[in-house]
Amino acid sequence: YRILKRQIDEYVGRINGRFGTIRWAPVWYLYRFLPFEKLTALYACCDVALITPLRDGMNLVAKEYVAARRDGTGVLILSEMAGAAKEMCEAVLVNPNNIKNMTEAIYTALTMPREEQIKRNRRMQERLKRYDVKKWLGDFMERLEGIKEVQDTLRGKILTSHYRHKLVEECGRATNRIFVLDYDGTLVPFARHPEDAIPDENLKDLLSELSEAGEVVIVSGRDRKALSMWFENLNISLVAEHGAYVKPAGKRWRVIEKLSTDWKQEIRPLLEFFVV
């Protein structure tokens, strides 16, 4: 750290000694604490913010700079290794280990038209307004509390021979039986192309025999048209598109719950991370 600090001091001194004058210095090297008011003023007056950490989890400086640009101007150059880079994709992203990439980014920032600057910054500002610290904390705590539920669903449950025999015996004694089966990966192997995973006659005969012993329900992400075409002559129930549509045996398709597009507003910020 001390070696790096000394190198920076020497570079700044050489640059200011060569290009500076009595009244002007090209580099302001402020190696000290700055009150937030003065820091905000610097954010507001600078044309380009060059924030290039080699390793960074959450960079609030980049967000503070964008938030301080009330007129929408200014260009943020941000290291792609910073955690904020995934959220602030409109910034000029760079690899700080690539000197050529850095110089090209600085040139791009200095020559970027005012309209383009405003367009980029407004998008980032709108995103920052939606995903503020309260939203971030709420999501973090919700995921933290739900991790145990996820662990429970992923925990493997071994069906021993003892419980296998017990399951078969109880199924044989039952008067009402229902067999809920997945399609892809259960009734048929996974295929490179989904349209190739078509049920053969042996499978249809097996399902027909099983339907005589109880109610058979096939749950699938497939669409209604494909399931209807494959199993139209069987006395079984179908659930298509991951539960969006249900077809009881011998009846027509119906929607369990009215579909809504409100969820799109929830995932829109996530999609904007990857779309410029």
Protein backbone atom coordinates (compact mmCIF):
# COMPACT_ATOMS: atom_id res chain seq x y z
CA TYR A 1 0.00 0.00 0.00
CA ARG A 2 2.76 2.44 0.92
CA ILE A 3 4.61 1.69 -2.34
CA LEU A 4 1.45 2.35 -4.37
CA LYS A 5 0.81 5.57 -2.43
CA ARG A 6 4.36 6.79 -3.14
CA GLN A 7 4.04 5.96 -6.84
CA ILE A 8 0.80 7.93 -7.13
CA ASP A 9 2.38 10.90 -5.34
CA GLU A 10 5.32 10.83 -7.77
CA TYR A 11 3.09 10.58 -10.85
CA VAL A 12 0.92 13.49 -9.72
CA GLY A 13 3.98 15.57 -8.96
CA ARG A 14 5.54 14.94 -12.37
CA ILE A 15 2.31 15.71 -14.24
CA ASN A 16 1.65 18.94 -12.34
CA GLY A 17 5.31 19.98 -12.65
CA ARG A 18 5.32 19.49 -16.40
CA PHE A 19 1.91 20.84 -17.38
CA GLY A 20 0.89 23.04 -14.46
CA THR A 21 1.31 26.78 -13.96
CA ILE A 22 1.44 29.04 -10.92
CA ARG A 23 -2.34 29.51 -11.03
CA TRP A 24 -3.44 26.16 -12.36
CA ALA A 25 -2.68 22.46 -11.73
CA PRO A 26 -3.97 19.74 -14.07
CA VAL A 27 -4.36 17.20 -11.22
CA TRP A 28 -6.06 17.91 -7.89
CA TYR A 29 -4.82 15.15 -5.62
CA LEU A 30 -7.09 15.20 -2.56
CA TYR A 31 -5.82 12.48 -0.25
CA ARG A 32 -7.97 13.36 2.74
CA PHE A 33 -11.50 13.18 4.10
CA LEU A 34 -14.03 15.43 2.38
CA PRO A 35 -17.37 16.45 3.90
CA PHE A 36 -20.31 15.16 1.92
CA GLU A 37 -21.30 18.71 0.89
CA LYS A 38 -17.90 19.34 -0.74
CA LEU A 39 -17.87 15.88 -2.27
CA THR A 40 -21.29 16.49 -3.82
CA ALA A 41 -20.07 19.77 -5.24
CA LEU A 42 -17.17 17.98 -6.92
CA TYR A 43 -19.58 15.42 -8.34
CA ALA A 44 -21.75 18.19 -9.76
CA CYS A 45 -18.96 20.15 -11.44
CA CYS A 46 -16.79 17.39 -12.96
CA ASP A 47 -17.41 16.28 -16.54
CA VAL A 48 -16.18 12.69 -16.15
CA ALA A 49 -16.03 10.38 -13.14
CA LEU A 50 -13.35 7.70 -13.51
CA ILE A 51 -14.05 4.95 -10.95
CA THR A 52 -11.95 1.89 -11.71
CA PRO A 53 -11.46 -0.50 -8.76
CA LEU A 54 -9.79 -3.83 -9.45
CA ARG A 55 -12.05 -5.54 -6.94
CA ASP A 56 -15.18 -4.07 -5.41
CA GLY A 57 -18.39 -5.41 -3.92
CA MET A 58 -20.65 -2.36 -3.72
CA ASN A 59 -19.50 0.98 -5.08
CA LEU A 60 -21.63 3.82 -3.73
CA VAL A 61 -19.33 6.52 -5.17
CA ALA A 62 -20.52 5.68 -8.69
CA LYS A 63 -24.15 5.94 -7.58
CA GLU A 64 -23.52 9.19 -5.71
CA TYR A 65 -21.98 10.74 -8.83
CA VAL A 66 -24.95 9.82 -11.02
CA ALA A 67 -27.44 11.00 -8.41
CA ALA A 68 -25.65 14.36 -8.11
CA ARG A 69 -25.97 15.11 -11.85
CA ARG A 70 -29.24 17.01 -11.65
CA ASP A 71 -29.02 18.28 -15.24
CA GLY A 72 -28.28 14.78 -16.52
CA THR A 73 -24.88 15.64 -17.99
CA GLY A 74 -21.56 14.00 -17.16
CA VAL A 75 -20.11 10.60 -18.00
CA LEU A 76 -19.43 7.76 -15.57
CA ILE A 77 -16.51 5.46 -16.42
CA LEU A 78 -16.85 2.40 -14.21
CA SER A 79 -14.80 -0.74 -13.76
CA GLU A 80 -16.59 -3.85 -14.93
CA MET A 81 -15.22 -5.54 -11.79
CA ALA A 82 -17.28 -3.31 -9.50
CA GLY A 83 -20.51 -4.76 -8.17
CA ALA A 84 -22.40 -1.67 -9.30
CA ALA A 85 -21.44 -2.35 -12.93
CA LYS A 86 -24.25 -4.91 -13.26
CA GLU A 87 -26.77 -2.29 -12.23
CA MET A 88 -25.26 0.75 -13.98
CA CYS A 89 -24.86 -0.74 -17.43
CA GLU A 90 -25.30 2.65 -19.16
CA ALA A 91 -21.92 3.75 -17.78
CA VAL A 92 -18.81 3.37 -19.93
CA LEU A 93 -17.58 0.04 -18.57
CA VAL A 94 -13.85 -0.70 -18.67
CA ASN A 95 -11.32 -3.32 -17.65
CA PRO A 96 -8.87 -1.41 -15.40
CA ASN A 97 -6.12 -3.88 -16.31
CA ASN A 98 -6.37 -2.91 -19.97
CA ILE A 99 -4.62 0.43 -20.57
CA LYS A 100 -5.83 0.71 -24.17
CA ASN A 101 -9.38 0.08 -23.04
CA MET A 102 -9.01 2.80 -20.40
CA THR A 103 -7.68 5.41 -22.86
CA GLU A 104 -10.46 4.66 -25.35
CA ALA A 105 -13.05 5.00 -22.58
CA ILE A 106 -11.68 8.39 -21.51
CA TYR A 107 -11.74 9.60 -25.12
CA THR A 108 -15.31 8.32 -25.51
CA ALA A 109 -16.36 10.15 -22.35
CA LEU A 110 -14.75 13.45 -23.33
CA THR A 111 -16.31 13.40 -26.81
CA MET A 112 -19.74 12.04 -25.90
CA PRO A 113 -22.59 14.34 -27.09
CA ARG A 114 -24.66 16.05 -24.42
CA GLU A 115 -27.83 14.27 -25.54
CA GLU A 116 -26.20 10.87 -25.11
CA GLN A 117 -24.94 11.81 -21.65
CA ILE A 118 -28.41 12.81 -20.51
CA LYS A 119 -29.99 9.69 -22.02
CA ARG A 120 -27.60 7.40 -20.14
CA ASN A 121 -27.75 9.23 -16.82
CA ARG A 122 -31.55 9.53 -16.75
CA ARG A 123 -31.88 5.79 -17.15
CA MET A 124 -29.48 5.14 -14.29
CA GLN A 125 -31.15 7.76 -12.10
CA GLU A 126 -34.58 6.21 -12.60
CA ARG A 127 -33.19 2.81 -11.69
CA LEU A 128 -31.50 4.19 -8.57
CA LYS A 129 -34.78 5.76 -7.45
CA ARG A 130 -36.58 2.44 -7.68
CA TYR A 131 -33.86 0.33 -6.12
CA ASP A 132 -32.85 2.45 -3.13
CA VAL A 133 -31.32 1.30 0.15
CA LYS A 134 -34.72 0.42 1.65
CA LYS A 135 -35.60 -1.75 -1.33
CA TRP A 136 -32.17 -3.39 -1.24
CA LEU A 137 -32.41 -4.11 2.49
CA GLY A 138 -35.92 -5.50 2.15
CA ASP A 139 -34.88 -7.87 -0.64
CA PHE A 140 -31.79 -8.94 1.30
CA MET A 141 -33.73 -9.77 4.47
CA GLU A 142 -36.45 -11.57 2.51
CA ARG A 143 -33.89 -13.78 0.79
CA LEU A 144 -32.07 -14.35 4.06
CA GLU A 145 -35.25 -15.49 5.79
CA GLY A 146 -36.23 -17.70 2.87
CA ILE A 147 -32.93 -19.55 2.57
CA LYS A 148 -34.07 -22.25 4.98
CA GLU A 149 -37.10 -22.96 2.84
CA VAL A 150 -34.87 -23.29 -0.20
CA GLN A 151 -32.59 -25.66 1.69
CA ASP A 152 -35.56 -27.81 2.67
CA THR A 153 -36.73 -28.11 -0.93
CA LEU A 154 -33.25 -29.08 -2.13
CA ARG A 155 -32.57 -31.59 0.63
CA GLY A 156 -32.46 -35.10 -0.81
CA LYS A 157 -34.88 -37.67 0.60
CA ILE A 158 -33.82 -41.28 0.17
CA LEU A 159 -36.57 -43.83 -0.43
CA THR A 160 -35.25 -46.97 1.26
CA SER A 161 -36.42 -50.47 0.41
CA HIS A 162 -38.46 -50.55 3.64
CA TYR A 163 -40.44 -47.43 2.76
CA ARG A 164 -40.69 -48.55 -0.87
CA HIS A 165 -42.47 -51.76 0.14
CA LYS A 166 -44.62 -49.85 2.59
CA LEU A 167 -45.60 -47.38 -0.13
CA VAL A 168 -46.60 -50.19 -2.50
CA GLU A 169 -48.65 -51.95 0.21
CA GLU A 170 -50.54 -48.80 1.21
CA CYS A 171 -51.18 -47.92 -2.41
CA GLY A 172 -52.62 -51.40 -2.96
CA ARG A 173 -54.97 -51.03 0.02
CA ALA A 174 -56.13 -47.53 -0.95
CA THR A 175 -59.59 -47.08 -2.44
CA ASN A 176 -58.89 -43.67 -3.99
CA ARG A 177 -55.59 -43.19 -5.77
CA ILE A 178 -54.11 -40.27 -7.71
CA PHE A 179 -50.84 -40.46 -9.64
CA VAL A 180 -49.28 -37.05 -10.38
CA LEU A 181 -46.51 -37.40 -12.97
CA ASP A 182 -44.11 -34.98 -14.60
CA TYR A 183 -43.55 -35.34 -18.34
CA ASP A 184 -40.07 -34.29 -19.51
CA GLY A 185 -37.40 -36.16 -17.57
CA THR A 186 -39.93 -38.51 -15.94
CA LEU A 187 -42.22 -40.11 -18.51
CA VAL A 188 -39.79 -39.41 -21.37
CA PRO A 189 -36.04 -38.68 -21.33
CA PHE A 190 -34.82 -35.14 -21.87
CA ALA A 191 -34.19 -34.42 -25.56
CA ARG A 192 -31.89 -31.91 -27.23
CA HIS A 193 -34.94 -30.51 -29.02
CA PRO A 194 -38.21 -30.47 -26.99
CA GLU A 195 -40.27 -31.39 -30.04
CA ASP A 196 -38.39 -34.72 -30.23
CA ALA A 197 -39.64 -35.89 -26.80
CA ILE A 198 -42.84 -37.51 -28.10
CA PRO A 199 -44.56 -40.30 -26.10
CA ASP A 200 -44.48 -43.71 -27.77
CA GLU A 201 -47.23 -46.34 -27.77
CA ASN A 202 -45.71 -48.28 -24.87
CA LEU A 203 -45.94 -45.22 -22.65
CA LYS A 204 -49.53 -44.56 -23.69
CA ASP A 205 -50.47 -48.19 -22.94
CA LEU A 206 -48.82 -47.93 -19.51
CA LEU A 207 -50.71 -44.72 -18.70
CA SER A 208 -53.94 -46.31 -19.85
CA GLU A 209 -53.42 -49.27 -17.49
CA LEU A 210 -52.47 -46.93 -14.66
CA SER A 211 -55.63 -44.86 -15.17
CA GLU A 212 -57.67 -47.98 -14.39
CA ALA A 213 -56.09 -48.13 -10.93
CA GLY A 214 -56.64 -44.48 -10.09
CA GLU A 215 -56.68 -40.93 -11.41
CA VAL A 216 -53.62 -40.00 -13.50
CA VAL A 217 -52.49 -36.40 -13.78
CA ILE A 218 -49.65 -35.25 -16.05
CA VAL A 219 -48.12 -31.93 -15.04
CA SER A 220 -45.94 -30.27 -17.65
CA GLY A 221 -44.58 -26.99 -18.94
CA ARG A 222 -45.74 -28.01 -22.41
CA ASP A 223 -48.49 -26.08 -24.14
CA ARG A 224 -52.09 -27.26 -24.29
CA LYS A 225 -51.98 -28.12 -27.98
CA ALA A 226 -49.12 -30.61 -27.62
CA LEU A 227 -50.58 -32.37 -24.56
CA SER A 228 -54.04 -32.59 -26.12
CA MET A 229 -52.61 -34.10 -29.31
CA TRP A 230 -50.50 -36.69 -27.49
CA PHE A 231 -53.02 -37.86 -24.86
CA GLU A 232 -56.42 -37.09 -26.40
CA ASN A 233 -57.60 -40.72 -26.32
CA LEU A 234 -56.55 -41.42 -22.71
CA ASN A 235 -58.73 -41.03 -19.63
CA ILE A 236 -56.23 -38.84 -17.77
CA SER A 237 -56.07 -35.25 -16.51
CA LEU A 238 -53.60 -32.74 -17.92
CA VAL A 239 -51.94 -29.64 -16.45
CA ALA A 240 -50.23 -27.47 -19.08
CA GLU A 241 -47.83 -24.52 -19.02
CA HIS A 242 -46.74 -25.11 -15.41
CA GLY A 243 -50.25 -24.90 -14.00
CA ALA A 244 -51.71 -22.08 -16.07
CA TYR A 245 -54.25 -24.41 -17.72
CA VAL A 246 -55.97 -27.54 -16.38
CA LYS A 247 -57.95 -30.20 -18.26
CA PRO A 248 -59.74 -32.78 -16.06
CA ALA A 249 -60.22 -36.17 -17.68
CA GLY A 250 -62.99 -36.03 -20.29
CA LYS A 251 -63.47 -32.25 -19.94
CA ARG A 252 -62.26 -29.05 -21.60
CA TRP A 253 -59.31 -26.85 -20.73
CA ARG A 254 -59.90 -24.13 -18.13
CA VAL A 255 -57.89 -21.42 -16.40
CA ILE A 256 -57.54 -21.85 -12.64
CA GLU A 257 -56.76 -18.21 -11.92
CA LYS A 258 -57.11 -15.10 -14.04
CA LEU A 259 -53.81 -14.21 -15.62
CA SER A 260 -52.25 -10.82 -14.88
CA THR A 261 -49.26 -8.90 -16.22
CA ASP A 262 -48.55 -7.00 -13.01
CA TRP A 263 -45.48 -9.17 -12.42
CA LYS A 264 -43.76 -7.52 -15.37
CA GLN A 265 -43.15 -4.39 -13.31
CA GLU A 266 -41.30 -6.51 -10.75
CA ILE A 267 -38.82 -8.00 -13.21
CA ARG A 268 -38.40 -4.89 -15.37
CA PRO A 269 -35.48 -3.51 -13.28
CA LEU A 270 -33.69 -6.85 -13.60
CA LEU A 271 -34.08 -6.89 -17.38
CA GLU A 272 -32.80 -3.31 -17.59
CA PHE A 273 -29.52 -4.46 -16.00
CA PHE A 274 -28.68 -6.28 -19.22
CA VAL A 275 -30.34 -4.05 -21.85
CA VAL A 276 -28.83 -0.75 -22.94
